[in-house]
Amino acid sequence: MIGVGIVGLGPATQAIHLPTLARLADEFRVVNVVDIDEATARAVADPIDAGWSTSFGQLLADERVDVVAVCSPHALHVAHVIASLQAGKAVLCEKPLTMDLAGLAALREAAGGATAPLMVGWMHAYDPVVEAAISSWSADGNRASALRVSTVLPPNHRFEDAATEVLPRAPATAGGGEPALREALLTLAIHDLPLVRRLLPDLSAPLQITHASWRAPWGYLVLGRIGETRVELHASLGQPGGPAWTLEAISPTASLTLDFPPSYVHVGSATSRLARAGGRVDEQTAAPEDGYDGEWRRMAAAIREGAVGALDDALLDAEFAIALADAAGRWVGKARAA
């Protein structure tokens, strides 16, 4: 049995990780949880019979903890990941792994000397239907000429509160401009940027942003090219048609469509549609296991195999996301200054 410690007990822990780990009780047991708020720590720990405290150091000293789920605020991810690795713990870090290149450099150094695995909770990348569909796309020799990610979300609290008994939260604040766009890309678009990177025909190709804008009340539109591949990232909040989350890849001879369920709900995997020239279409309906299951099963396998350091291009994915967010932010800044 793999012992899990969790730092940060907000909606990601309560609505995502605790229900997922309960489904995977044959492999994992939550043994220790930490939050800066004592009442929250106690309220989360008591129903699952886990230890709790407000001290991250106490969690790291717990020998029952094999893997730390880092679900703390974004600004603390780097420090919590590094401390966990230095304590010999495996780490599953919530998105984003880091918000800047300085954090990435520190993580590279820590991962290089780690004795346990580090992975990021890219739930879309670990979705079993998504993995199978991209494998088929690649096996056919497709080279994406266009990649598009469209995300239409209602306020997340609708799904968080439906998924579990989430404790009260502070109200969100709205924003706009370069900082808001960059943060949105590193917190929402980040879900799919690892998949965008995997679908790029040429990872060494230069990135060029041709348009970037913030869409009130909350959303963004980013257009660009990476080598010969056109990339579009779009997000909006509260559209009349309801929530939708889609990634599309187009090559000269095929198209791949991946439709994801909203975050914070456990309704199975994504669905996929791979249409090839000549009329052949392969479709996969939702499977029972979702990407949250997939990421934790990947962690279990890594621990059993004795894997060490960053897994599955985690640091390269983070570097790609930061580069794109920085470039889009610069475009917005220049457009406003013009």
Protein backbone atom coordinates (compact mmCIF):
# COMPACT_ATOMS: atom_id res chain seq x y z
CA MET A 1 0.00 0.00 0.00
CA ILE A 2 1.36 3.41 -1.01
CA GLY A 3 1.01 6.09 1.66
CA VAL A 4 -0.10 9.52 0.45
CA GLY A 5 0.47 12.87 2.11
CA ILE A 6 -1.34 15.95 0.81
CA VAL A 7 -0.32 19.57 1.31
CA GLY A 8 -3.05 22.10 0.56
CA LEU A 9 -6.64 21.02 1.16
CA GLY A 10 -8.65 23.24 -1.15
CA PRO A 11 -11.03 22.20 -3.95
CA ALA A 12 -8.39 20.30 -5.95
CA THR A 13 -7.81 18.00 -2.99
CA GLN A 14 -11.40 17.70 -1.85
CA ALA A 15 -13.12 17.41 -5.23
CA ILE A 16 -10.42 15.63 -7.23
CA HIS A 17 -7.75 13.76 -5.33
CA LEU A 18 -9.63 12.40 -2.34
CA PRO A 19 -12.43 10.84 -4.46
CA THR A 20 -9.85 9.47 -6.90
CA LEU A 21 -7.70 7.94 -4.18
CA ALA A 22 -10.82 6.43 -2.60
CA ARG A 23 -11.50 4.66 -5.92
CA LEU A 24 -7.91 3.43 -5.95
CA ALA A 25 -7.92 2.18 -2.37
CA ASP A 26 -6.33 -1.08 -3.50
CA GLU A 27 -3.11 0.88 -4.18
CA PHE A 28 -3.18 4.07 -2.09
CA ARG A 29 -4.08 5.25 1.39
CA VAL A 30 -4.09 8.90 2.49
CA VAL A 31 -2.14 8.91 5.76
CA ASN A 32 -1.34 12.58 6.41
CA VAL A 33 -2.78 15.93 5.31
CA VAL A 34 -1.60 19.50 5.90
CA ASP A 35 -3.25 22.88 5.54
CA ILE A 36 -2.43 26.29 6.92
CA ASP A 37 -5.93 26.37 8.40
CA GLU A 38 -6.28 23.98 11.34
CA ALA A 39 -10.06 23.65 11.02
CA THR A 40 -9.76 22.68 7.36
CA ALA A 41 -7.02 20.15 8.08
CA ARG A 42 -9.09 18.51 10.80
CA ALA A 43 -12.30 18.54 8.74
CA VAL A 44 -10.61 16.83 5.78
CA ALA A 45 -8.60 14.33 7.85
CA ASP A 46 -11.25 13.05 10.25
CA PRO A 47 -13.58 11.33 7.71
CA ILE A 48 -10.67 9.42 6.14
CA ASP A 49 -8.89 8.62 9.41
CA ALA A 50 -5.70 10.41 8.36
CA GLY A 51 -3.21 12.31 10.44
CA TRP A 52 -3.30 16.08 10.09
CA SER A 53 -1.35 19.19 11.03
CA THR A 54 -0.53 22.70 9.91
CA SER A 55 3.17 21.81 9.54
CA PHE A 56 4.52 20.67 6.19
CA GLY A 57 7.71 19.58 7.93
CA GLN A 58 5.69 17.20 10.07
CA LEU A 59 4.22 15.61 6.95
CA LEU A 60 7.68 15.15 5.42
CA ALA A 61 8.90 13.52 8.63
CA ASP A 62 6.09 10.95 8.52
CA GLU A 63 7.69 7.69 7.37
CA ARG A 64 4.29 6.39 6.25
CA VAL A 65 4.22 8.99 3.46
CA ASP A 66 5.62 7.60 0.21
CA VAL A 67 4.24 10.26 -2.14
CA VAL A 68 3.31 13.89 -1.56
CA ALA A 69 0.46 15.46 -3.52
CA VAL A 70 1.31 19.15 -3.80
CA CYS A 71 -2.01 20.99 -3.96
CA SER A 72 -0.91 24.19 -2.25
CA PRO A 73 -1.20 27.68 -3.82
CA HIS A 74 0.78 28.05 -7.05
CA ALA A 75 3.41 30.27 -5.46
CA LEU A 76 4.35 27.46 -3.06
CA HIS A 77 4.59 24.62 -5.58
CA VAL A 78 8.31 24.93 -6.24
CA ALA A 79 9.27 25.05 -2.57
CA HIS A 80 6.98 22.16 -1.64
CA VAL A 81 8.14 19.99 -4.55
CA ILE A 82 11.82 20.58 -3.81
CA ALA A 83 11.41 19.91 -0.08
CA SER A 84 9.49 16.70 -0.81
CA LEU A 85 12.12 15.42 -3.24
CA GLN A 86 14.90 16.27 -0.81
CA ALA A 87 13.04 14.25 1.84
CA GLY A 88 13.06 11.25 -0.50
CA LYS A 89 9.34 11.42 -1.26
CA ALA A 90 7.73 10.89 -4.65
CA VAL A 91 5.75 13.94 -5.80
CA LEU A 92 2.57 14.47 -7.77
CA CYS A 93 2.27 18.24 -8.21
CA GLU A 94 -0.90 19.98 -9.27
CA LYS A 95 -0.75 22.32 -12.25
CA PRO A 96 1.16 24.55 -12.75
CA LEU A 97 4.45 23.04 -11.67
CA THR A 98 6.00 26.51 -11.71
CA MET A 99 5.02 29.93 -13.00
CA ASP A 100 8.46 31.10 -14.15
CA LEU A 101 11.87 30.07 -15.44
CA ALA A 102 13.61 30.67 -12.11
CA GLY A 103 11.37 28.09 -10.50
CA LEU A 104 11.97 25.73 -13.40
CA ALA A 105 15.75 25.98 -12.96
CA ALA A 106 15.45 25.16 -9.26
CA LEU A 107 13.21 22.19 -10.04
CA ARG A 108 15.65 20.87 -12.65
CA GLU A 109 18.42 20.85 -10.08
CA ALA A 110 16.25 19.13 -7.47
CA ALA A 111 14.90 16.54 -9.91
CA GLY A 112 18.42 15.76 -11.09
CA GLY A 113 19.40 14.61 -7.62
CA ALA A 114 16.08 13.04 -6.66
CA THR A 115 15.74 9.46 -5.43
CA ALA A 116 12.00 9.32 -6.18
CA PRO A 117 9.75 10.28 -9.12
CA LEU A 118 8.26 13.70 -9.85
CA MET A 119 5.21 14.06 -12.05
CA VAL A 120 2.60 16.71 -12.77
CA GLY A 121 -1.15 16.13 -12.66
CA TRP A 122 -1.85 16.65 -16.37
CA MET A 123 -5.14 14.75 -16.15
CA HIS A 124 -5.88 15.16 -19.87
CA ALA A 125 -2.51 13.69 -20.84
CA TYR A 126 -3.07 10.65 -18.60
CA ASP A 127 -6.64 10.03 -19.80
CA PRO A 128 -6.70 6.47 -21.23
CA VAL A 129 -8.86 7.37 -24.23
CA VAL A 130 -6.63 10.34 -25.05
CA GLU A 131 -3.48 8.24 -24.81
CA ALA A 132 -4.95 5.62 -27.16
CA ALA A 133 -6.19 8.20 -29.67
CA ILE A 134 -2.87 10.05 -29.86
CA SER A 135 -1.05 6.75 -30.19
CA SER A 136 -3.24 5.88 -33.22
CA TRP A 137 -2.75 9.36 -34.69
CA SER A 138 1.02 9.06 -34.39
CA ALA A 139 1.09 5.47 -35.67
CA ASP A 140 -0.59 6.69 -38.87
CA GLY A 141 2.28 9.13 -39.40
CA ASN A 142 0.13 12.25 -39.07
CA ARG A 143 1.84 15.63 -38.79
CA ALA A 144 -0.42 18.34 -37.38
CA SER A 145 -0.79 21.41 -39.56
CA ALA A 146 -3.25 22.96 -37.09
CA LEU A 147 -3.96 22.50 -33.38
CA ARG A 148 -6.90 24.10 -31.62
CA VAL A 149 -7.97 24.01 -27.97
CA SER A 150 -11.35 25.52 -27.10
CA THR A 151 -12.49 25.67 -23.49
CA VAL A 152 -15.91 26.96 -22.44
CA LEU A 153 -16.46 26.68 -18.71
CA PRO A 154 -19.10 27.67 -16.20
CA PRO A 155 -17.77 28.95 -12.87
CA ASN A 156 -15.78 26.02 -11.48
CA HIS A 157 -17.51 26.16 -8.10
CA ARG A 158 -20.58 24.60 -9.72
CA PHE A 159 -18.62 21.42 -10.35
CA GLU A 160 -16.46 21.59 -7.24
CA ASP A 161 -19.45 21.73 -4.93
CA ALA A 162 -21.31 19.04 -6.85
CA ALA A 163 -18.32 16.72 -6.60
CA THR A 164 -17.84 16.83 -2.83
CA GLU A 165 -18.51 18.83 0.32
CA VAL A 166 -15.97 21.55 -0.40
CA LEU A 167 -15.39 23.92 2.50
CA PRO A 168 -16.15 27.63 1.92
CA ARG A 169 -13.75 29.60 -0.26
CA ALA A 170 -12.80 33.23 -0.66
CA PRO A 171 -14.50 35.02 -3.58
CA ALA A 172 -12.54 35.16 -6.83
CA THR A 173 -11.36 38.42 -8.36
CA ALA A 174 -11.49 39.32 -12.03
CA GLY A 175 -8.74 40.95 -14.05
CA GLY A 176 -7.47 41.63 -17.51
CA GLY A 177 -4.43 42.46 -19.58
CA GLU A 178 -0.99 40.91 -19.65
CA PRO A 179 -0.80 39.50 -16.07
CA ALA A 180 -4.29 38.01 -16.26
CA LEU A 181 -3.65 36.46 -19.66
CA ARG A 182 -0.37 34.92 -18.57
CA GLU A 183 -1.91 33.51 -15.40
CA ALA A 184 -4.89 32.11 -17.31
CA LEU A 185 -2.61 30.33 -19.76
CA LEU A 186 -0.55 28.84 -16.93
CA THR A 187 -3.59 27.72 -14.95
CA LEU A 188 -6.22 26.77 -17.55
CA ALA A 189 -4.49 26.31 -20.92
CA ILE A 190 -1.84 24.35 -19.01
CA HIS A 191 -4.25 21.40 -18.93
CA ASP A 192 -3.72 20.84 -22.65
CA LEU A 193 -0.34 22.35 -23.49
CA PRO A 194 1.44 19.02 -22.84
CA LEU A 195 -0.85 17.45 -25.45
CA VAL A 196 -0.24 20.33 -27.86
CA ARG A 197 3.48 19.79 -27.41
CA ARG A 198 3.16 16.03 -28.04
CA LEU A 199 1.22 16.68 -31.24
CA LEU A 200 3.72 19.17 -32.68
CA PRO A 201 5.64 17.72 -35.63
CA ASP A 202 8.80 19.72 -34.82
CA LEU A 203 9.58 20.45 -31.17
CA SER A 204 12.59 22.55 -32.14
CA ALA A 205 10.55 24.93 -34.30
CA PRO A 206 10.33 28.57 -33.18
CA LEU A 207 7.19 29.92 -31.50
CA GLN A 208 5.54 32.98 -33.04
CA ILE A 209 2.48 34.66 -31.50
CA THR A 210 0.33 36.43 -34.10
CA HIS A 211 -2.48 37.53 -31.77
CA ALA A 212 -3.21 37.46 -28.06
CA SER A 213 -6.07 39.13 -26.21
CA TRP A 214 -7.98 39.01 -22.95
CA ARG A 215 -11.73 38.46 -23.37
CA ALA A 216 -13.93 40.00 -20.67
CA PRO A 217 -15.37 38.97 -18.32
CA TRP A 218 -12.94 36.06 -18.30
CA GLY A 219 -11.27 34.38 -21.22
CA TYR A 220 -8.56 34.63 -23.82
CA LEU A 221 -7.72 34.13 -27.47
CA VAL A 222 -4.18 33.25 -28.51
CA LEU A 223 -3.16 32.58 -32.11
CA GLY A 224 0.28 31.60 -33.27
CA ARG A 225 2.55 29.33 -35.23
CA ILE A 226 5.09 26.80 -34.09
CA GLY A 227 7.07 26.00 -37.19
CA GLU A 228 4.51 25.04 -39.84
CA THR A 229 1.76 24.29 -37.30
CA ARG A 230 -0.95 26.85 -36.58
CA VAL A 231 -2.03 26.93 -32.94
CA GLU A 232 -5.21 28.43 -31.48
CA LEU A 233 -6.05 28.60 -27.79
CA HIS A 234 -9.48 29.91 -26.82
CA ALA A 235 -11.26 30.07 -23.47
CA SER A 236 -14.44 31.73 -22.28
CA LEU A 237 -16.76 31.62 -19.33
CA GLY A 238 -20.49 31.06 -19.17
CA GLN A 239 -21.52 30.75 -22.82
CA PRO A 240 -25.21 29.95 -23.57
CA GLY A 241 -24.34 26.57 -25.09
CA GLY A 242 -22.95 25.30 -21.81
CA PRO A 243 -19.54 23.85 -20.98
CA ALA A 244 -17.36 22.33 -23.68
CA TRP A 245 -13.68 21.42 -23.74
CA THR A 246 -12.21 20.27 -27.05
CA LEU A 247 -8.78 19.71 -28.58
CA GLU A 248 -8.58 19.34 -32.36
CA ALA A 249 -5.60 18.30 -34.46
CA ILE A 250 -5.66 18.49 -38.25
CA SER A 251 -3.20 17.00 -40.72
CA PRO A 252 -3.41 16.83 -44.53
CA THR A 253 -4.98 13.37 -44.29
CA ALA A 254 -6.76 13.16 -40.92
CA SER A 255 -8.41 15.01 -38.07
CA LEU A 256 -8.45 14.12 -34.39
CA THR A 257 -11.07 15.48 -31.99
CA LEU A 258 -10.82 14.99 -28.23
CA ASP A 259 -13.75 16.08 -26.07
CA PHE A 260 -13.01 16.34 -22.35
CA PRO A 261 -15.41 16.38 -19.42
CA PRO A 262 -15.32 19.48 -17.20
CA SER A 263 -12.81 19.64 -14.38
CA TYR A 264 -13.83 18.61 -10.87
CA VAL A 265 -16.28 15.92 -11.94
CA HIS A 266 -15.77 12.18 -12.16
CA VAL A 267 -17.85 11.01 -15.12
CA GLY A 268 -15.30 8.93 -16.98
CA SER A 269 -12.75 9.69 -19.65
CA ALA A 270 -12.70 11.95 -22.65
CA THR A 271 -14.14 10.81 -25.96
CA SER A 272 -12.19 10.71 -29.22
CA ARG A 273 -12.87 10.78 -32.96
CA LEU A 274 -10.11 10.06 -35.47
CA ALA A 275 -11.27 10.67 -39.04
CA ARG A 276 -9.01 9.58 -41.89
CA ALA A 277 -9.00 10.37 -45.59
CA GLY A 278 -11.15 7.84 -47.40
CA GLY A 279 -13.94 7.96 -44.85
CA ARG A 280 -12.63 5.67 -42.12
CA VAL A 281 -13.58 6.97 -38.67
CA ASP A 282 -12.55 5.55 -35.31
CA GLU A 283 -14.58 6.74 -32.33
CA GLN A 284 -14.12 5.96 -28.65
CA THR A 285 -16.85 6.67 -26.14
CA ALA A 286 -16.10 7.57 -22.55
CA ALA A 287 -14.34 4.88 -20.53
CA PRO A 288 -15.04 4.42 -16.80
CA GLU A 289 -11.57 5.58 -15.71
CA ASP A 290 -10.64 9.23 -16.19
CA GLY A 291 -7.38 11.13 -16.31
CA TYR A 292 -7.35 11.56 -12.55
CA ASP A 293 -7.29 7.79 -12.19
CA GLY A 294 -4.68 7.65 -14.93
CA GLU A 295 -2.26 10.06 -13.29
CA TRP A 296 -2.39 8.25 -9.95
CA ARG A 297 -2.00 4.84 -11.61
CA ARG A 298 1.03 6.26 -13.44
CA MET A 299 2.46 7.34 -10.10
CA ALA A 300 1.88 3.89 -8.60
CA ALA A 301 3.69 2.28 -11.53
CA ALA A 302 6.60 4.73 -11.23
CA ILE A 303 7.01 3.96 -7.53
CA ARG A 304 6.88 0.21 -8.12
CA GLU A 305 9.43 0.49 -10.93
CA GLY A 306 11.81 2.60 -8.84
CA ALA A 307 11.68 5.54 -11.26
CA VAL A 308 13.52 8.70 -10.21
CA GLY A 309 13.44 12.33 -11.30
CA ALA A 310 10.96 14.08 -13.57
CA LEU A 311 8.66 11.72 -15.49
CA ASP A 312 7.06 12.01 -18.92
CA ASP A 313 8.77 15.26 -19.99
CA ALA A 314 7.25 17.13 -17.03
CA LEU A 315 9.95 19.81 -16.99
CA LEU A 316 9.95 20.24 -20.77
CA ASP A 317 6.16 20.60 -20.72
CA ALA A 318 6.47 23.28 -18.04
CA GLU A 319 9.15 25.09 -20.04
CA PHE A 320 6.95 25.04 -23.15
CA ALA A 321 3.98 26.43 -21.22
CA ILE A 322 6.02 29.25 -19.69
CA ALA A 323 7.50 30.20 -23.07
CA LEU A 324 4.05 30.37 -24.66
CA ALA A 325 2.54 32.33 -21.76
CA ASP A 326 5.45 34.78 -21.73
CA ALA A 327 5.24 35.31 -25.49
CA ALA A 328 1.48 35.87 -25.39
CA GLY A 329 1.88 38.27 -22.48
CA ARG A 330 4.50 40.27 -24.36
CA TRP A 331 2.19 40.48 -27.39
CA VAL A 332 -0.61 41.92 -25.25
CA GLY A 333 1.78 44.37 -23.62
CA LYS A 334 3.05 45.64 -26.97
CA ALA A 335 -0.48 45.87 -28.37
CA ARG A 336 -1.58 48.02 -25.43
CA ALA A 337 1.47 50.25 -25.75
CA ALA A 338 0.96 50.79 -29.47
